[in-house]
PDB file of N, CA and C in Angstrom:
ATOM      1  N   MET A   1       0.848  -1.172   0.000  1.00  0.00           N
ATOM      2  CA  MET A   1       0.000   0.000   0.000  1.00  0.00           C
ATOM      3  C   MET A   1       0.894   1.235   0.000  1.00  0.00           C
ATOM      4  N   ALA A   2       0.657   2.168  -0.916  1.00  0.00           N
ATOM      5  CA  ALA A   2       1.469   3.376  -1.035  1.00  0.00           C
ATOM      6  C   ALA A   2       1.039   4.394   0.020  1.00  0.00           C
ATOM      7  N   VAL A   3       2.031   5.076   0.555  1.00  0.00           N
ATOM      8  CA  VAL A   3       1.763   6.104   1.545  1.00  0.00           C
ATOM      9  C   VAL A   3       1.704   7.447   0.830  1.00  0.00           C
ATOM     10  N   ALA A   4       0.638   8.191   1.051  1.00  0.00           N
ATOM     11  CA  ALA A   4       0.482   9.495   0.412  1.00  0.00           C
ATOM     12  C   ALA A   4       1.473  10.486   1.003  1.00  0.00           C
ATOM     13  N   ALA A   5       2.093  11.290   0.149  1.00  0.00           N
ATOM     14  CA  ALA A   5       3.039  12.312   0.608  1.00  0.00           C
ATOM     15  C   ALA A   5       2.269  13.414   1.316  1.00  0.00           C
ATOM     16  N   THR A   6       2.806  13.868   2.420  1.00  0.00           N
ATOM     17  CA  THR A   6       2.146  14.957   3.131  1.00  0.00           C
ATOM     18  C   THR A   6       2.617  16.282   2.560  1.00  0.00           C
ATOM     19  N   LYS A   7       1.727  17.237   2.566  1.00  0.00           N
ATOM     20  CA  LYS A   7       2.045  18.560   2.049  1.00  0.00           C
ATOM     21  C   LYS A   7       1.768  19.585   3.129  1.00  0.00           C
ATOM     22  N   LYS A   8       2.640  20.556   3.196  1.00  0.00           N
ATOM     23  CA  LYS A   8       2.438  21.653   4.132  1.00  0.00           C
ATOM     24  C   LYS A   8       1.482  22.647   3.491  1.00  0.00           C
ATOM     25  N   ARG A   9       0.524  23.117   4.261  1.00  0.00           N
ATOM     26  CA  ARG A   9      -0.456  24.078   3.745  1.00  0.00           C
ATOM     27  C   ARG A   9       0.044  25.499   3.970  1.00  0.00           C
ATOM     28  N   LYS A  10      -0.279  26.370   3.013  1.00  0.00           N
ATOM     29  CA  LYS A  10       0.059  27.783   3.096  1.00  0.00           C
ATOM     30  C   LYS A  10      -1.214  28.585   2.919  1.00  0.00           C
ATOM     31  N   SER A  11      -1.321  29.686   3.633  1.00  0.00           N
ATOM     32  CA  SER A  11      -2.503  30.537   3.485  1.00  0.00           C
ATOM     33  C   SER A  11      -2.376  31.384   2.223  1.00  0.00           C
ATOM     34  N   ALA A  12      -3.491  31.911   1.770  1.00  0.00           N
ATOM     35  CA  ALA A  12      -3.487  32.741   0.567  1.00  0.00           C
ATOM     36  C   ALA A  12      -2.632  33.991   0.756  1.00  0.00           C
ATOM     37  N   SER A  13      -2.490  34.453   1.986  1.00  0.00           N
ATOM     38  CA  SER A  13      -1.688  35.656   2.234  1.00  0.00           C
ATOM     39  C   SER A  13      -0.202  35.423   1.977  1.00  0.00           C
ATOM     40  N   SER A  14       0.194  34.174   1.850  1.00  0.00           N
ATOM     41  CA  SER A  14       1.608  33.880   1.603  1.00  0.00           C
ATOM     42  C   SER A  14       1.972  33.919   0.122  1.00  0.00           C
ATOM     43  N   ILE A  15       0.989  34.117  -0.749  1.00  0.00           N
ATOM     44  CA  ILE A  15       1.249  34.161  -2.193  1.00  0.00           C
ATOM     45  C   ILE A  15       2.039  35.424  -2.515  1.00  0.00           C
ATOM     46  N   LYS A  16       3.097  35.255  -3.257  1.00  0.00           N
ATOM     47  CA  LYS A  16       3.933  36.387  -3.671  1.00  0.00           C
ATOM     48  C   LYS A  16       3.774  36.595  -5.165  1.00  0.00           C
ATOM     49  N   ILE A  17       3.614  37.849  -5.562  1.00  0.00           N
ATOM     50  CA  ILE A  17       3.511  38.198  -6.976  1.00  0.00           C
ATOM     51  C   ILE A  17       4.752  38.989  -7.361  1.00  0.00           C
ATOM     52  N   ASP A  18       5.401  38.590  -8.427  1.00  0.00           N
ATOM     53  CA  ASP A  18       6.587  39.287  -8.917  1.00  0.00           C
ATOM     54  C   ASP A  18       6.167  40.653  -9.447  1.00  0.00           C
ATOM     55  N   PRO A  19       6.623  41.750  -8.810  1.00  0.00           N
ATOM     56  CA  PRO A  19       6.212  43.083  -9.255  1.00  0.00           C
ATOM     57  C   PRO A  19       6.962  43.571 -10.491  1.00  0.00           C
ATOM     58  N   ASN A  20       7.905  42.790 -10.985  1.00  0.00           N
ATOM     59  CA  ASN A  20       8.712  43.176 -12.140  1.00  0.00           C
ATOM     60  C   ASN A  20       7.954  42.885 -13.429  1.00  0.00           C
ATOM     61  N   VAL A  21       7.108  43.824 -13.837  1.00  0.00           N
ATOM     62  CA  VAL A  21       6.290  43.668 -15.037  1.00  0.00           C
ATOM     63  C   VAL A  21       7.090  44.162 -16.239  1.00  0.00           C
ATOM     64  N   ARG A  22       6.958  43.472 -17.358  1.00  0.00           N
ATOM     65  CA  ARG A  22       7.643  43.868 -18.598  1.00  0.00           C
ATOM     66  C   ARG A  22       6.591  44.158 -19.658  1.00  0.00           C
ATOM     67  N   CYS A  23       6.955  44.921 -20.672  1.00  0.00           N
ATOM     68  CA  CYS A  23       6.056  45.170 -21.802  1.00  0.00           C
ATOM     69  C   CYS A  23       6.877  45.166 -23.093  1.00  0.00           C
ATOM     70  N   LEU A  24       6.198  44.992 -24.218  1.00  0.00           N
ATOM     71  CA  LEU A  24       6.878  44.920 -25.511  1.00  0.00           C
ATOM     72  C   LEU A  24       7.297  46.289 -26.022  1.00  0.00           C
ATOM     73  N   ARG A  25       6.443  47.303 -25.781  1.00  0.00           N
ATOM     74  CA  ARG A  25       6.721  48.629 -26.332  1.00  0.00           C
ATOM     75  C   ARG A  25       5.981  49.679 -25.537  1.00  0.00           C
ATOM     76  N   ILE A  26       6.542  50.864 -25.500  1.00  0.00           N
ATOM     77  CA  ILE A  26       5.906  52.013 -24.865  1.00  0.00           C
ATOM     78  C   ILE A  26       5.866  53.130 -25.897  1.00  0.00           C
ATOM     79  N   TYR A  27       4.688  53.688 -26.091  1.00  0.00           N
ATOM     80  CA  TYR A  27       4.505  54.759 -27.072  1.00  0.00           C
ATOM     81  C   TYR A  27       4.193  56.058 -26.350  1.00  0.00           C
ATOM     82  N   PRO A  28       4.594  57.204 -26.818  1.00  0.00           N
ATOM     83  CA  PRO A  28       5.209  57.476 -28.109  1.00  0.00           C
ATOM     84  C   PRO A  28       6.692  57.107 -28.123  1.00  0.00           C
ATOM     85  N   VAL A  29       7.190  56.907 -29.325  1.00  0.00           N
ATOM     86  CA  VAL A  29       8.592  56.595 -29.545  1.00  0.00           C
ATOM     87  C   VAL A  29       9.284  57.875 -30.003  1.00  0.00           C
ATOM     88  N   GLU A  30      10.341  58.271 -29.316  1.00  0.00           N
ATOM     89  CA  GLU A  30      11.011  59.532 -29.651  1.00  0.00           C
ATOM     90  C   GLU A  30      11.647  59.524 -31.031  1.00  0.00           C
ATOM     91  N   ASP A  31      12.205  58.394 -31.431  1.00  0.00           N
ATOM     92  CA  ASP A  31      12.931  58.370 -32.705  1.00  0.00           C
ATOM     93  C   ASP A  31      12.054  57.931 -33.879  1.00  0.00           C
ATOM     94  N   ASN A  32      10.747  58.108 -33.771  1.00  0.00           N
ATOM     95  CA  ASN A  32       9.828  57.739 -34.840  1.00  0.00           C
ATOM     96  C   ASN A  32       9.971  58.740 -35.985  1.00  0.00           C
ATOM     97  N   GLN A  33      10.561  58.320 -37.080  1.00  0.00           N
ATOM     98  CA  GLN A  33      10.809  59.190 -38.229  1.00  0.00           C
ATOM     99  C   GLN A  33       9.550  59.441 -39.061  1.00  0.00           C
ATOM    100  N   GLU A  34       8.528  58.581 -38.886  1.00  0.00           N
ATOM    101  CA  GLU A  34       7.309  58.701 -39.675  1.00  0.00           C
ATOM    102  C   GLU A  34       6.407  59.823 -39.178  1.00  0.00           C
ATOM    103  N   SER A  35       6.552  60.233 -37.948  1.00  0.00           N
ATOM    104  CA  SER A  35       5.674  61.250 -37.376  1.00  0.00           C
ATOM    105  C   SER A  35       6.358  62.610 -37.363  1.00  0.00           C
ATOM    106  N   ARG A  36       5.607  63.632 -37.702  1.00  0.00           N
ATOM    107  CA  ARG A  36       6.145  64.997 -37.670  1.00  0.00           C
ATOM    108  C   ARG A  36       5.940  65.637 -36.297  1.00  0.00           C
ATOM    109  N   LYS A  37       5.192  64.964 -35.434  1.00  0.00           N
ATOM    110  CA  LYS A  37       4.895  65.509 -34.118  1.00  0.00           C
ATOM    111  C   LYS A  37       6.041  65.253 -33.149  1.00  0.00           C
ATOM    112  N   THR A  38       6.200  66.165 -32.212  1.00  0.00           N
ATOM    113  CA  THR A  38       7.193  65.974 -31.149  1.00  0.00           C
ATOM    114  C   THR A  38       6.500  65.334 -29.950  1.00  0.00           C
ATOM    115  N   ILE A  39       7.288  64.888 -29.001  1.00  0.00           N
ATOM    116  CA  ILE A  39       6.738  64.264 -27.799  1.00  0.00           C
ATOM    117  C   ILE A  39       5.768  65.204 -27.096  1.00  0.00           C
ATOM    118  N   SER A  40       6.091  66.494 -27.030  1.00  0.00           N
ATOM    119  CA  SER A  40       5.214  67.450 -26.348  1.00  0.00           C
ATOM    120  C   SER A  40       3.891  67.668 -27.087  1.00  0.00           C
ATOM    121  N   ASP A  41       3.822  67.341 -28.393  1.00  0.00           N
ATOM    122  CA  ASP A  41       2.589  67.482 -29.162  1.00  0.00           C
ATOM    123  C   ASP A  41       1.608  66.335 -28.903  1.00  0.00           C
ATOM    124  N   LEU A  42       2.123  65.204 -28.470  1.00  0.00           N
ATOM    125  CA  LEU A  42       1.289  64.014 -28.319  1.00  0.00           C
ATOM    126  C   LEU A  42       0.519  64.048 -27.004  1.00  0.00           C
ATOM    127  N   LYS A  43      -0.723  63.590 -27.032  1.00  0.00           N
ATOM    128  CA  LYS A  43      -1.597  63.660 -25.867  1.00  0.00           C
ATOM    129  C   LYS A  43      -1.832  62.310 -25.200  1.00  0.00           C
ATOM    130  N   THR A  44      -1.348  61.227 -25.769  1.00  0.00           N
ATOM    131  CA  THR A  44      -1.607  59.902 -25.213  1.00  0.00           C
ATOM    132  C   THR A  44      -0.317  59.140 -24.964  1.00  0.00           C
ATOM    133  N   VAL A  45      -0.440  58.093 -24.165  1.00  0.00           N
ATOM    134  CA  VAL A  45       0.661  57.174 -23.894  1.00  0.00           C
ATOM    135  C   VAL A  45       0.112  55.772 -24.128  1.00  0.00           C
ATOM    136  N   GLY A  46       0.895  54.924 -24.748  1.00  0.00           N
ATOM    137  CA  GLY A  46       0.453  53.562 -25.002  1.00  0.00           C
ATOM    138  C   GLY A  46       1.469  52.548 -24.519  1.00  0.00           C
ATOM    139  N   ILE A  47       0.966  51.380 -24.119  1.00  0.00           N
ATOM    140  CA  ILE A  47       1.826  50.275 -23.695  1.00  0.00           C
ATOM    141  C   ILE A  47       1.371  49.041 -24.451  1.00  0.00           C
ATOM    142  N   LYS A  48       2.293  48.398 -25.169  1.00  0.00           N
ATOM    143  CA  LYS A  48       1.984  47.172 -25.902  1.00  0.00           C
ATOM    144  C   LYS A  48       2.417  45.989 -25.058  1.00  0.00           C
ATOM    145  N   LEU A  49       1.480  45.064 -24.802  1.00  0.00           N
ATOM    146  CA  LEU A  49       1.731  43.904 -23.952  1.00  0.00           C
ATOM    147  C   LEU A  49       1.441  42.605 -24.694  1.00  0.00           C
ATOM    148  N   SER A  50       2.222  41.587 -24.401  1.00  0.00           N
ATOM    149  CA  SER A  50       1.862  40.242 -24.854  1.00  0.00           C
ATOM    150  C   SER A  50       0.759  39.728 -23.929  1.00  0.00           C
ATOM    151  N   ARG A  51       0.158  38.620 -24.243  1.00  0.00           N
ATOM    152  CA  ARG A  51      -0.885  38.041 -23.391  1.00  0.00           C
ATOM    153  C   ARG A  51      -0.339  37.769 -21.988  1.00  0.00           C
ATOM    154  N   GLU A  52       0.841  37.168 -21.912  1.00  0.00           N
ATOM    155  CA  GLU A  52       1.433  36.842 -20.612  1.00  0.00           C
ATOM    156  C   GLU A  52       1.746  38.099 -19.804  1.00  0.00           C
ATOM    157  N   GLN A  53       2.250  39.133 -20.482  1.00  0.00           N
ATOM    158  CA  GLN A  53       2.542  40.389 -19.803  1.00  0.00           C
ATOM    159  C   GLN A  53       1.272  41.058 -19.296  1.00  0.00           C
ATOM    160  N   ALA A  54       0.195  40.994 -20.072  1.00  0.00           N
ATOM    161  CA  ALA A  54      -1.081  41.588 -19.659  1.00  0.00           C
ATOM    162  C   ALA A  54      -1.640  40.875 -18.430  1.00  0.00           C
ATOM    163  N   ILE A  55      -1.548  39.564 -18.416  1.00  0.00           N
ATOM    164  CA  ILE A  55      -2.014  38.789 -17.261  1.00  0.00           C
ATOM    165  C   ILE A  55      -1.179  39.127 -16.030  1.00  0.00           C
ATOM    166  N   HIS A  56       0.131  39.224 -16.202  1.00  0.00           N
ATOM    167  CA  HIS A  56       1.017  39.563 -15.090  1.00  0.00           C
ATOM    168  C   HIS A  56       0.683  40.942 -14.527  1.00  0.00           C
ATOM    169  N   LEU A  57       0.521  41.945 -15.410  1.00  0.00           N
ATOM    170  CA  LEU A  57       0.181  43.287 -14.955  1.00  0.00           C
ATOM    171  C   LEU A  57      -1.169  43.281 -14.240  1.00  0.00           C
ATOM    172  N   ALA A  58      -2.134  42.551 -14.754  1.00  0.00           N
ATOM    173  CA  ALA A  58      -3.452  42.476 -14.123  1.00  0.00           C
ATOM    174  C   ALA A  58      -3.352  41.886 -12.720  1.00  0.00           C
ATOM    175  N   ARG A  59      -2.533  40.860 -12.553  1.00  0.00           N
ATOM    176  CA  ARG A  59      -2.355  40.252 -11.226  1.00  0.00           C
ATOM    177  C   ARG A  59      -1.700  41.223 -10.250  1.00  0.00           C
ATOM    178  N   VAL A  60      -0.700  41.944 -10.719  1.00  0.00           N
ATOM    179  CA  VAL A  60      -0.032  42.922  -9.859  1.00  0.00           C
ATOM    180  C   VAL A  60      -1.005  44.022  -9.461  1.00  0.00           C
ATOM    181  N   LEU A  61      -1.785  44.529 -10.424  1.00  0.00           N
ATOM    182  CA  LEU A  61      -2.762  45.579 -10.127  1.00  0.00           C
ATOM    183  C   LEU A  61      -3.837  45.089  -9.152  1.00  0.00           C
ATOM    184  N   LEU A  62      -4.309  43.876  -9.332  1.00  0.00           N
ATOM    185  CA  LEU A  62      -5.328  43.334  -8.445  1.00  0.00           C
ATOM    186  C   LEU A  62      -4.793  43.192  -7.022  1.00  0.00           C
ATOM    187  N   ALA A  63      -3.592  42.666  -6.889  1.00  0.00           N
ATOM    188  CA  ALA A  63      -2.998  42.504  -5.559  1.00  0.00           C
ATOM    189  C   ALA A  63      -2.752  43.861  -4.911  1.00  0.00           C
ATOM    190  N   ALA A  64      -2.249  44.811  -5.674  1.00  0.00           N
ATOM    191  CA  ALA A  64      -1.971  46.146  -5.136  1.00  0.00           C
ATOM    192  C   ALA A  64      -3.261  46.858  -4.757  1.00  0.00           C
ATOM    193  N   ALA A  65      -4.312  46.709  -5.549  1.00  0.00           N
ATOM    194  CA  ALA A  65      -5.588  47.379  -5.281  1.00  0.00           C
ATOM    195  C   ALA A  65      -6.229  46.879  -3.992  1.00  0.00           C
ATOM    196  N   GLN A  66      -5.910  45.677  -3.587  1.00  0.00           N
ATOM    197  CA  GLN A  66      -6.451  45.148  -2.339  1.00  0.00           C
ATOM    198  C   GLN A  66      -5.754  45.751  -1.122  1.00  0.00           C
ATOM    199  N   GLU A  67      -4.575  46.339  -1.327  1.00  0.00           N
ATOM    200  CA  GLU A  67      -3.803  46.909  -0.232  1.00  0.00           C
ATOM    201  C   GLU A  67      -3.743  48.433  -0.254  1.00  0.00           C
ATOM    202  N   TRP A  68      -3.798  49.031  -1.432  1.00  0.00           N
ATOM    203  CA  TRP A  68      -3.575  50.468  -1.575  1.00  0.00           C
ATOM    204  C   TRP A  68      -4.830  51.166  -2.078  1.00  0.00           C
ATOM    205  N   ASP A  69      -4.995  52.438  -1.668  1.00  0.00           N
ATOM    206  CA  ASP A  69      -6.117  53.249  -2.148  1.00  0.00           C
ATOM    207  C   ASP A  69      -5.819  53.874  -3.505  1.00  0.00           C
ATOM    208  N   GLU A  70      -4.544  54.174  -3.760  1.00  0.00           N
ATOM    209  CA  GLU A  70      -4.130  54.788  -5.024  1.00  0.00           C
ATOM    210  C   GLU A  70      -2.883  54.100  -5.531  1.00  0.00           C
ATOM    211  N   MET A  71      -2.751  54.037  -6.853  1.00  0.00           N
ATOM    212  CA  MET A  71      -1.578  53.430  -7.467  1.00  0.00           C
ATOM    213  C   MET A  71      -1.071  54.302  -8.602  1.00  0.00           C
ATOM    214  N   ASP A  72       0.228  54.224  -8.825  1.00  0.00           N
ATOM    215  CA  ASP A  72       0.860  54.872  -9.969  1.00  0.00           C
ATOM    216  C   ASP A  72       1.455  53.776 -10.846  1.00  0.00           C
ATOM    217  N   ILE A  73       1.243  53.890 -12.152  1.00  0.00           N
ATOM    218  CA  ILE A  73       1.862  52.973 -13.107  1.00  0.00           C
ATOM    219  C   ILE A  73       2.878  53.789 -13.888  1.00  0.00           C
ATOM    220  N   THR A  74       4.122  53.360 -13.846  1.00  0.00           N
ATOM    221  CA  THR A  74       5.199  54.060 -14.540  1.00  0.00           C
ATOM    222  C   THR A  74       5.808  53.119 -15.566  1.00  0.00           C
ATOM    223  N   ALA A  75       5.923  53.587 -16.803  1.00  0.00           N
ATOM    224  CA  ALA A  75       6.539  52.806 -17.873  1.00  0.00           C
ATOM    225  C   ALA A  75       7.834  53.508 -18.286  1.00  0.00           C
ATOM    226  N   TRP A  76       8.914  52.797 -18.263  1.00  0.00           N
ATOM    227  CA  TRP A  76      10.245  53.349 -18.553  1.00  0.00           C
ATOM    228  C   TRP A  76      10.561  53.165 -20.037  1.00  0.00           C
ATOM    229  N   ARG A  77      10.136  54.118 -20.884  1.00  0.00           N
ATOM    230  CA  ARG A  77      10.217  53.957 -22.333  1.00  0.00           C
ATOM    231  C   ARG A  77      11.603  54.134 -22.918  1.00  0.00           C
ATOM    232  N   VAL A  78      12.554  54.672 -22.183  1.00  0.00           N
ATOM    233  CA  VAL A  78      13.890  54.883 -22.752  1.00  0.00           C
ATOM    234  C   VAL A  78      14.911  53.842 -22.283  1.00  0.00           C
ATOM    235  N   TYR A  79      14.475  52.895 -21.458  1.00  0.00           N
ATOM    236  CA  TYR A  79      15.395  51.872 -20.965  1.00  0.00           C
ATOM    237  C   TYR A  79      14.947  50.495 -21.419  1.00  0.00           C
ATOM    238  N   LYS A  80      15.431  50.083 -22.594  1.00  0.00           N
ATOM    239  CA  LYS A  80      15.087  48.764 -23.129  1.00  0.00           C
ATOM    240  C   LYS A  80      16.094  47.738 -22.624  1.00  0.00           C
ATOM    241  N   ARG A  81      15.586  46.601 -22.100  1.00  0.00           N
ATOM    242  CA  ARG A  81      16.460  45.521 -21.641  1.00  0.00           C
ATOM    243  C   ARG A  81      17.078  44.845 -22.851  1.00  0.00           C
ATOM    244  N   GLN A  82      18.390  44.738 -22.855  1.00  0.00           N
ATOM    245  CA  GLN A  82      19.109  44.192 -24.008  1.00  0.00           C
ATOM    246  C   GLN A  82      18.816  42.713 -24.241  1.00  0.00           C
ATOM    247  N   SER A  83      18.611  41.939 -23.180  1.00  0.00           N
ATOM    248  CA  SER A  83      18.457  40.497 -23.336  1.00  0.00           C
ATOM    249  C   SER A  83      17.201  40.089 -24.105  1.00  0.00           C
ATOM    250  N   ASP A  84      16.100  40.834 -23.946  1.00  0.00           N
ATOM    251  CA  ASP A  84      14.872  40.447 -24.636  1.00  0.00           C
ATOM    252  C   ASP A  84      14.128  41.617 -25.289  1.00  0.00           C
ATOM    253  N   GLY A  85      14.681  42.821 -25.212  1.00  0.00           N
ATOM    254  CA  GLY A  85      14.086  43.974 -25.868  1.00  0.00           C
ATOM    255  C   GLY A  85      12.805  44.489 -25.237  1.00  0.00           C
ATOM    256  N   THR A  86      12.546  44.128 -23.973  1.00  0.00           N
ATOM    257  CA  THR A  86      11.333  44.592 -23.302  1.00  0.00           C
ATOM    258  C   THR A  86      11.623  45.813 -22.431  1.00  0.00           C
ATOM    259  N   TYR A  87      10.538  46.431 -21.978  1.00  0.00           N
ATOM    260  CA  TYR A  87      10.633  47.638 -21.158  1.00  0.00           C
ATOM    261  C   TYR A  87      10.004  47.363 -19.795  1.00  0.00           C
ATOM    262  N   ASN A  88      10.468  48.083 -18.773  1.00  0.00           N
ATOM    263  CA  ASN A  88       9.986  47.884 -17.418  1.00  0.00           C
ATOM    264  C   ASN A  88       8.745  48.731 -17.139  1.00  0.00           C
ATOM    265  N   VAL A  89       7.789  48.131 -16.450  1.00  0.00           N
ATOM    266  CA  VAL A  89       6.590  48.821 -15.982  1.00  0.00           C
ATOM    267  C   VAL A  89       6.510  48.591 -14.480  1.00  0.00           C
ATOM    268  N   THR A  90       6.335  49.665 -13.700  1.00  0.00           N
ATOM    269  CA  THR A  90       6.257  49.511 -12.253  1.00  0.00           C
ATOM    270  C   THR A  90       4.898  49.976 -11.745  1.00  0.00           C
ATOM    271  N   VAL A  91       4.455  49.331 -10.678  1.00  0.00           N
ATOM    272  CA  VAL A  91       3.226  49.705  -9.986  1.00  0.00           C
ATOM    273  C   VAL A  91       3.638  50.078  -8.577  1.00  0.00           C
ATOM    274  N   THR A  92       3.382  51.340  -8.193  1.00  0.00           N
ATOM    275  CA  THR A  92       3.790  51.829  -6.876  1.00  0.00           C
ATOM    276  C   THR A  92       2.658  52.631  -6.240  1.00  0.00           C
ATOM    277  N   THR A  93       2.872  52.992  -4.982  1.00  0.00           N
ATOM    278  CA  THR A  93       1.952  53.878  -4.287  1.00  0.00           C
ATOM    279  C   THR A  93       2.766  54.832  -3.433  1.00  0.00           C
ATOM    280  N   ALA A  94       2.191  55.980  -3.138  1.00  0.00           N
ATOM    281  CA  ALA A  94       2.839  56.939  -2.241  1.00  0.00           C
ATOM    282  C   ALA A  94       2.538  56.521  -0.801  1.00  0.00           C
ATOM    283  N   VAL A  95       3.564  56.484   0.011  1.00  0.00           N
ATOM    284  CA  VAL A  95       3.417  56.116   1.411  1.00  0.00           C
ATOM    285  C   VAL A  95       3.565  57.370   2.250  1.00  0.00           C
ATOM    286  N   PRO A  96       2.617  57.625   3.177  1.00  0.00           N
ATOM    287  CA  PRO A  96       2.739  58.819   4.011  1.00  0.00           C
ATOM    288  C   PRO A  96       4.024  58.792   4.843  1.00  0.00           C
ATOM    289  N   VAL A  97       4.658  59.934   4.951  1.00  0.00           N
ATOM    290  CA  VAL A  97       5.880  60.044   5.745  1.00  0.00           C
ATOM    291  C   VAL A  97       5.457  60.318   7.182  1.00  0.00           C
ATOM    292  N   ASP A  98       5.987  59.524   8.104  1.00  0.00           N
ATOM    293  CA  ASP A  98       5.683  59.737   9.524  1.00  0.00           C
ATOM    294  C   ASP A  98       6.334  61.014  10.015  1.00  0.00           C
ATOM    295  N   ALA A  99       5.586  61.817  10.742  1.00  0.00           N
ATOM    296  CA  ALA A  99       6.104  63.091  11.263  1.00  0.00           C
ATOM    297  C   ALA A  99       7.009  62.869  12.452  1.00  0.00           C
TER     298      ALA A  99
END
């Protein structure tokens, strides 16, 4: 008779989400030769995500929204990672400074 392996249980609060979100592209692109507009002329910002990146960002936002009242999403459009050509996206919140 085989003995079942025992498993240690963990609560849902022990789940860790990797906050290091990546994206394929961040728009506007400064070196876009096709556009006559400058960065200051543009009114929108865009982030291109793969399916996996979108799911990851959604998980980070959901986890953060359960803890924070406000969030900031920052996309670093001028720092492309050389290994895979992706860009960093961060989700943060402002923390009150204790007096």
